[in-house]
Each structure stands twice: as C-alpha cells, then as structure tokens.
C-alpha cells in the first residue's frame, strides 16, 4: 500500500465512524421520542379513564350516569334527620375503581361527626359483607372532606371509597359505617 491508499483508508474509516455516530444519535433521538410518546399516551389513557367516571354537578345533583336517577328515599330521609345531611348519591367513578359518596350538609352540628378525621368510614356490601375503605395517600391523606375548616350548611361534601377489582357494581346495596353511625340500603348508581 502506498500513502494514497492509506489516506483513502483513513478517509473511509473517518466517514464510517461519523456515520456510526450519526446513526447512534438518530437511534437515541428515536428512542427518546418513542418514550415521550408512550408516556403521553399512558397519561392520556389515565386521564380519560379517571374523567370518564367522575361525577359531575348538574341541576338534579351529582351524576356520572343517566340523568334522573335519585338515591333511595328510605336512607336519605333517615340520614337527614339523624345525621343532618341530604344524600346526593353513591356512584361509581374512575372507571368503576372508586365509589363516590356525595352529600349536602343540612345541619352542621349533626353532620360534624361525618367530618371527624379520627373516624374511619367504610362501605359494607350487604350481599357479601365486603368492606371498602377510604384510600389514605401519603401526600393527600384520606380521600374525603374532613372538618378541618368550619362545617357549613348547604355545602356539598364527598367521601371516596376504593373499589379494587371493580367488586361493587351499579345496583349493589351498601351500608355506610362511620363509628356508631350506619346508613343502610344505599344503592350504587
């Protein structure tokens, strides 16, 4: 080989190395793009699944399903007299993984028990006896309204209950248990 061949060989080697470097950069850019796209799709799916099951406020009360559905009259009347609340409903939310219990305070003194942080509420499935508790996260705490602030009349409050595996379905009869208080015959909408 002569000097000319060595120069061509060095030039070819340099071009091959530059091409490999460009290919590696393109591959890395493609991977970052794919990961970003996958994260965006995952976030979109989670957001849609959460929002599609969330209860929304309408003139007739909270609703996550067909309009015109009202809670059973029996527990609502008893709750208003005993607990100072008017039930807005117990509905499936977050694609069925959460049960959303909404109520309006009518008498703040009687309703104060419902907002006590020390009392751990749970739903009891009347058919199977399964107990569904309130999720308690490290950053948010219990997923329910508590009486940190003054309890006011004509204010809507909520308690979210975990429904792992979508065990409870629409039409199930539940009992809300909070310490000694019990509201029976709640029908999941």
C-alpha atoms as a PDB file:
ATOM      1  CA  UNK A   1       0.000   0.000   0.000  1.00  0.00           C
ATOM      2  CA  UNK A   2       1.089   3.496  -0.623  1.00  0.00           C
ATOM      3  CA  UNK A   3       0.366   6.824   1.005  1.00  0.00           C
ATOM      4  CA  UNK A   4      -2.550   7.454  -1.306  1.00  0.00           C
ATOM      5  CA  UNK A   5      -4.212   4.194  -0.258  1.00  0.00           C
ATOM      6  CA  UNK A   6      -3.566   4.989   3.410  1.00  0.00           C
ATOM      7  CA  UNK A   7      -5.229   8.409   3.014  1.00  0.00           C
ATOM      8  CA  UNK A   8      -8.264   6.830   1.317  1.00  0.00           C
ATOM      9  CA  UNK A   9      -8.463   4.174   4.019  1.00  0.00           C
ATOM     10  CA  UNK A  10      -8.247   6.825   6.772  1.00  0.00           C
ATOM     11  CA  UNK A  11     -10.897   8.902   4.986  1.00  0.00           C
ATOM     12  CA  UNK A  12     -13.209   5.867   4.683  1.00  0.00           C
ATOM     13  CA  UNK A  13     -12.674   4.960   8.346  1.00  0.00           C
ATOM     14  CA  UNK A  14     -13.448   8.552   9.393  1.00  0.00           C
ATOM     15  CA  UNK A  15     -16.634   8.580   7.289  1.00  0.00           C
ATOM     16  CA  UNK A  16     -17.741   5.221   8.715  1.00  0.00           C
ATOM     17  CA  UNK A  17     -17.124   6.468  12.259  1.00  0.00           C
ATOM     18  CA  UNK A  18     -19.077   9.675  11.554  1.00  0.00           C
ATOM     19  CA  UNK A  19     -21.926   7.614  10.088  1.00  0.00           C
ATOM     20  CA  UNK A  20     -21.991   5.368  13.170  1.00  0.00           C
ATOM     21  CA  UNK A  21     -22.060   8.457  15.403  1.00  0.00           C
ATOM     22  CA  UNK A  22     -24.939   9.929  13.372  1.00  0.00           C
ATOM     23  CA  UNK A  23     -26.771   6.589  13.433  1.00  0.00           C
ATOM     24  CA  UNK A  24     -26.345   6.390  17.228  1.00  0.00           C
ATOM     25  CA  UNK A  25     -27.658   9.941  17.621  1.00  0.00           C
ATOM     26  CA  UNK A  26     -30.635   9.173  15.364  1.00  0.00           C
ATOM     27  CA  UNK A  27     -31.336   5.968  17.290  1.00  0.00           C
ATOM     28  CA  UNK A  28     -31.147   7.826  20.617  1.00  0.00           C
ATOM     29  CA  UNK A  29     -33.452  10.567  19.319  1.00  0.00           C
ATOM     30  CA  UNK A  30     -35.922   7.948  18.098  1.00  0.00           C
ATOM     31  CA  UNK A  31     -35.857   6.194  21.488  1.00  0.00           C
ATOM     32  CA  UNK A  32     -36.453   9.455  23.380  1.00  0.00           C
ATOM     33  CA  UNK A  33     -39.318  10.294  21.022  1.00  0.00           C
ATOM     34  CA  UNK A  34     -40.890   6.849  21.476  1.00  0.00           C
ATOM     35  CA  UNK A  35     -40.609   7.002  25.277  1.00  0.00           C
ATOM     36  CA  UNK A  36     -42.104  10.504  25.341  1.00  0.00           C
ATOM     37  CA  UNK A  37     -44.947   9.385  23.089  1.00  0.00           C
ATOM     38  CA  UNK A  38     -45.591   6.297  25.233  1.00  0.00           C
ATOM     39  CA  UNK A  39     -45.714   8.460  28.382  1.00  0.00           C
ATOM     40  CA  UNK A  40     -48.117  10.894  26.711  1.00  0.00           C
ATOM     41  CA  UNK A  41     -50.401   8.035  25.645  1.00  0.00           C
ATOM     42  CA  UNK A  42     -50.317   6.482  29.128  1.00  0.00           C
ATOM     43  CA  UNK A  43     -51.148   9.829  30.751  1.00  0.00           C
ATOM     44  CA  UNK A  44     -53.976  10.372  28.274  1.00  0.00           C
ATOM     45  CA  UNK A  45     -55.442   6.941  28.991  1.00  0.00           C
ATOM     46  CA  UNK A  46     -55.273   7.517  32.750  1.00  0.00           C
ATOM     47  CA  UNK A  47     -56.812  10.969  32.422  1.00  0.00           C
ATOM     48  CA  UNK A  48     -59.643   9.718  30.216  1.00  0.00           C
ATOM     49  CA  UNK A  49     -60.373   6.762  32.492  1.00  0.00           C
ATOM     50  CA  UNK A  50     -60.485   8.985  35.573  1.00  0.00           C
ATOM     51  CA  UNK A  51     -62.533  11.749  33.973  1.00  0.00           C
ATOM     52  CA  UNK A  52     -64.981   9.443  32.244  1.00  0.00           C
ATOM     53  CA  UNK A  53     -66.129   8.013  35.559  1.00  0.00           C
ATOM     54  CA  UNK A  54     -66.102  11.174  37.639  1.00  0.00           C
ATOM     55  CA  UNK A  55     -69.318  12.559  38.994  1.00  0.00           C
ATOM     56  CA  UNK A  56     -70.344  15.934  37.687  1.00  0.00           C
ATOM     57  CA  UNK A  57     -72.673  18.530  39.189  1.00  0.00           C
ATOM     58  CA  UNK A  58     -75.953  19.201  37.416  1.00  0.00           C
ATOM     59  CA  UNK A  59     -79.202  20.855  38.474  1.00  0.00           C
ATOM     60  CA  UNK A  60     -80.529  17.497  39.712  1.00  0.00           C
ATOM     61  CA  UNK A  61     -77.403  16.820  41.818  1.00  0.00           C
ATOM     62  CA  UNK A  62     -74.234  14.868  41.102  1.00  0.00           C
ATOM     63  CA  UNK A  63     -74.332  12.498  38.190  1.00  0.00           C
ATOM     64  CA  UNK A  64     -71.953  10.143  36.454  1.00  0.00           C
ATOM     65  CA  UNK A  65     -74.613   8.253  34.572  1.00  0.00           C
ATOM     66  CA  UNK A  66     -78.088   8.717  33.155  1.00  0.00           C
ATOM     67  CA  UNK A  67     -79.947  11.773  34.451  1.00  0.00           C
ATOM     68  CA  UNK A  68     -82.982  11.414  36.648  1.00  0.00           C
ATOM     69  CA  UNK A  69     -81.589   8.700  38.927  1.00  0.00           C
ATOM     70  CA  UNK A  70     -82.141   9.536  42.586  1.00  0.00           C
ATOM     71  CA  UNK A  71     -80.973   7.726  45.697  1.00  0.00           C
ATOM     72  CA  UNK A  72     -83.399   5.509  47.566  1.00  0.00           C
ATOM     73  CA  UNK A  73     -85.820   7.578  49.655  1.00  0.00           C
ATOM     74  CA  UNK A  74     -85.510   5.404  52.768  1.00  0.00           C
ATOM     75  CA  UNK A  75     -81.860   6.060  53.706  1.00  0.00           C
ATOM     76  CA  UNK A  76     -81.964   9.681  52.543  1.00  0.00           C
ATOM     77  CA  UNK A  77     -84.815  10.616  54.888  1.00  0.00           C
ATOM     78  CA  UNK A  78     -83.208   8.860  57.866  1.00  0.00           C
ATOM     79  CA  UNK A  79     -79.826  10.457  57.173  1.00  0.00           C
ATOM     80  CA  UNK A  80     -81.306  13.930  57.023  1.00  0.00           C
ATOM     81  CA  UNK A  81     -82.998  13.540  60.406  1.00  0.00           C
ATOM     82  CA  UNK A  82     -80.224  11.622  62.256  1.00  0.00           C
ATOM     83  CA  UNK A  83     -77.063  12.994  60.659  1.00  0.00           C
ATOM     84  CA  UNK A  84     -78.051  16.410  59.363  1.00  0.00           C
ATOM     85  CA  UNK A  85     -77.193  15.567  55.748  1.00  0.00           C
ATOM     86  CA  UNK A  86     -79.075  15.100  52.493  1.00  0.00           C
ATOM     87  CA  UNK A  87     -77.555  12.388  50.339  1.00  0.00           C
ATOM     88  CA  UNK A  88     -76.736  13.381  46.794  1.00  0.00           C
ATOM     89  CA  UNK A  89     -75.790   9.852  45.747  1.00  0.00           C
ATOM     90  CA  UNK A  90     -73.396   6.924  45.770  1.00  0.00           C
ATOM     91  CA  UNK A  91     -71.956   6.482  42.309  1.00  0.00           C
ATOM     92  CA  UNK A  92     -69.256   4.520  40.552  1.00  0.00           C
ATOM     93  CA  UNK A  93     -66.406   6.747  39.438  1.00  0.00           C
ATOM     94  CA  UNK A  94     -62.930   6.442  37.891  1.00  0.00           C
ATOM     95  CA  UNK A  95     -63.959   3.625  35.566  1.00  0.00           C
ATOM     96  CA  UNK A  96     -65.543   1.713  38.463  1.00  0.00           C
ATOM     97  CA  UNK A  97     -62.498   1.677  40.739  1.00  0.00           C
ATOM     98  CA  UNK A  98     -63.877   4.348  43.090  1.00  0.00           C
ATOM     99  CA  UNK A  99     -67.250   4.754  44.814  1.00  0.00           C
ATOM    100  CA  UNK A 100     -68.110   8.438  45.150  1.00  0.00           C
ATOM    101  CA  UNK A 101     -70.439   9.257  48.078  1.00  0.00           C
ATOM    102  CA  UNK A 102     -71.758  12.832  47.890  1.00  0.00           C
ATOM    103  CA  UNK A 103     -73.856  14.578  50.488  1.00  0.00           C
ATOM    104  CA  UNK A 104     -75.046  18.069  51.381  1.00  0.00           C
ATOM    105  CA  UNK A 105     -74.929  19.319  54.956  1.00  0.00           C
ATOM    106  CA  UNK A 106     -78.314  20.444  56.229  1.00  0.00           C
ATOM    107  CA  UNK A 107     -77.476  20.711  59.956  1.00  0.00           C
ATOM    108  CA  UNK A 108     -73.765  21.420  60.614  1.00  0.00           C
ATOM    109  CA  UNK A 109     -73.908  20.344  64.282  1.00  0.00           C
ATOM    110  CA  UNK A 110     -75.295  16.888  63.481  1.00  0.00           C
ATOM    111  CA  UNK A 111     -73.049  16.465  60.419  1.00  0.00           C
ATOM    112  CA  UNK A 112     -69.830  17.238  62.323  1.00  0.00           C
ATOM    113  CA  UNK A 113     -69.440  13.525  63.149  1.00  0.00           C
ATOM    114  CA  UNK A 114     -69.182  12.669  59.443  1.00  0.00           C
ATOM    115  CA  UNK A 115     -66.288  15.077  59.019  1.00  0.00           C
ATOM    116  CA  UNK A 116     -64.244  13.885  62.013  1.00  0.00           C
ATOM    117  CA  UNK A 117     -60.785  12.773  60.813  1.00  0.00           C
ATOM    118  CA  UNK A 118     -60.402  10.267  63.630  1.00  0.00           C
ATOM    119  CA  UNK A 119     -63.389   8.215  62.497  1.00  0.00           C
ATOM    120  CA  UNK A 120     -62.570   5.879  59.596  1.00  0.00           C
ATOM    121  CA  UNK A 121     -65.627   5.391  57.365  1.00  0.00           C
ATOM    122  CA  UNK A 122     -66.148   2.306  55.242  1.00  0.00           C
ATOM    123  CA  UNK A 123     -68.799   0.872  52.959  1.00  0.00           C
ATOM    124  CA  UNK A 124     -70.173  -2.559  53.737  1.00  0.00           C
ATOM    125  CA  UNK A 125     -71.534  -4.616  50.836  1.00  0.00           C
ATOM    126  CA  UNK A 126     -74.819  -6.006  52.139  1.00  0.00           C
ATOM    127  CA  UNK A 127     -74.700  -9.074  49.874  1.00  0.00           C
ATOM    128  CA  UNK A 128     -71.154 -10.297  50.548  1.00  0.00           C
ATOM    129  CA  UNK A 129     -70.078  -8.454  53.693  1.00  0.00           C
ATOM    130  CA  UNK A 130     -67.026  -6.951  51.932  1.00  0.00           C
ATOM    131  CA  UNK A 131     -65.673  -3.742  53.460  1.00  0.00           C
ATOM    132  CA  UNK A 132     -64.458  -0.931  51.204  1.00  0.00           C
ATOM    133  CA  UNK A 133     -62.320   1.708  52.909  1.00  0.00           C
ATOM    134  CA  UNK A 134     -61.260   5.235  52.106  1.00  0.00           C
ATOM    135  CA  UNK A 135     -57.849   5.373  50.378  1.00  0.00           C
ATOM    136  CA  UNK A 136     -55.263   7.156  52.526  1.00  0.00           C
ATOM    137  CA  UNK A 137     -52.366   8.539  50.482  1.00  0.00           C
ATOM    138  CA  UNK A 138     -49.099   9.909  51.833  1.00  0.00           C
ATOM    139  CA  UNK A 139     -49.443  13.315  50.193  1.00  0.00           C
ATOM    140  CA  UNK A 140     -53.226  13.814  50.116  1.00  0.00           C
ATOM    141  CA  UNK A 141     -54.321  11.941  53.214  1.00  0.00           C
ATOM    142  CA  UNK A 142     -57.800  10.413  53.269  1.00  0.00           C
ATOM    143  CA  UNK A 143     -59.748  10.956  50.068  1.00  0.00           C
ATOM    144  CA  UNK A 144     -62.671  12.666  51.745  1.00  0.00           C
ATOM    145  CA  UNK A 145     -63.710  16.009  53.080  1.00  0.00           C
ATOM    146  CA  UNK A 146     -62.785  16.453  56.729  1.00  0.00           C
ATOM    147  CA  UNK A 147     -63.793  19.043  59.278  1.00  0.00           C
ATOM    148  CA  UNK A 148     -60.510  20.955  59.213  1.00  0.00           C
ATOM    149  CA  UNK A 149     -62.472  24.057  58.443  1.00  0.00           C
ATOM    150  CA  UNK A 150     -65.861  25.081  59.755  1.00  0.00           C
ATOM    151  CA  UNK A 151     -68.708  22.838  58.590  1.00  0.00           C
ATOM    152  CA  UNK A 152     -71.231  24.971  56.722  1.00  0.00           C
ATOM    153  CA  UNK A 153     -74.849  24.354  55.828  1.00  0.00           C
ATOM    154  CA  UNK A 154     -75.828  23.948  52.164  1.00  0.00           C
ATOM    155  CA  UNK A 155     -72.297  22.853  51.286  1.00  0.00           C
ATOM    156  CA  UNK A 156     -71.574  19.669  49.307  1.00  0.00           C
ATOM    157  CA  UNK A 157     -69.047  17.180  50.726  1.00  0.00           C
ATOM    158  CA  UNK A 158     -67.630  13.880  49.480  1.00  0.00           C
ATOM    159  CA  UNK A 159     -66.097  10.595  50.570  1.00  0.00           C
ATOM    160  CA  UNK A 160     -64.287   8.411  48.024  1.00  0.00           C
ATOM    161  CA  UNK A 161     -64.119   4.667  48.668  1.00  0.00           C
ATOM    162  CA  UNK A 162     -61.740   2.238  46.943  1.00  0.00           C
ATOM    163  CA  UNK A 163     -63.372  -0.444  44.809  1.00  0.00           C
ATOM    164  CA  UNK A 164     -60.438  -2.728  43.934  1.00  0.00           C
ATOM    165  CA  UNK A 165     -61.130  -5.054  41.062  1.00  0.00           C
ATOM    166  CA  UNK A 166     -64.458  -3.273  40.480  1.00  0.00           C
ATOM    167  CA  UNK A 167     -66.009  -5.649  43.015  1.00  0.00           C
ATOM    168  CA  UNK A 168     -69.107  -3.488  43.597  1.00  0.00           C
ATOM    169  CA  UNK A 169     -71.297  -2.842  40.572  1.00  0.00           C
ATOM    170  CA  UNK A 170     -74.217  -0.499  39.884  1.00  0.00           C
ATOM    171  CA  UNK A 171     -77.318  -1.690  41.724  1.00  0.00           C
ATOM    172  CA  UNK A 172     -75.406  -3.136  44.686  1.00  0.00           C
ATOM    173  CA  UNK A 173     -76.809  -2.319  48.118  1.00  0.00           C
ATOM    174  CA  UNK A 174     -74.305  -0.833  50.545  1.00  0.00           C
ATOM    175  CA  UNK A 175     -74.210   0.332  54.165  1.00  0.00           C
ATOM    176  CA  UNK A 176     -72.110   3.351  55.138  1.00  0.00           C
ATOM    177  CA  UNK A 177     -70.486   2.793  58.536  1.00  0.00           C
ATOM    178  CA  UNK A 178     -68.819   5.652  60.440  1.00  0.00           C
ATOM    179  CA  UNK A 179     -68.126   4.715  64.034  1.00  0.00           C
ATOM    180  CA  UNK A 180     -71.543   4.045  65.590  1.00  0.00           C
ATOM    181  CA  UNK A 181     -73.410   5.636  62.675  1.00  0.00           C
ATOM    182  CA  UNK A 182     -74.883   3.467  59.942  1.00  0.00           C
ATOM    183  CA  UNK A 183     -76.739   4.465  56.789  1.00  0.00           C
ATOM    184  CA  UNK A 184     -78.225   1.321  55.274  1.00  0.00           C
ATOM    185  CA  UNK A 185     -79.750   0.471  51.887  1.00  0.00           C
ATOM    186  CA  UNK A 186     -77.610   2.791  49.791  1.00  0.00           C
ATOM    187  CA  UNK A 187     -77.934   1.768  46.159  1.00  0.00           C
ATOM    188  CA  UNK A 188     -74.898   2.251  43.917  1.00  0.00           C
ATOM    189  CA  UNK A 189     -75.785   4.150  40.758  1.00  0.00           C
END
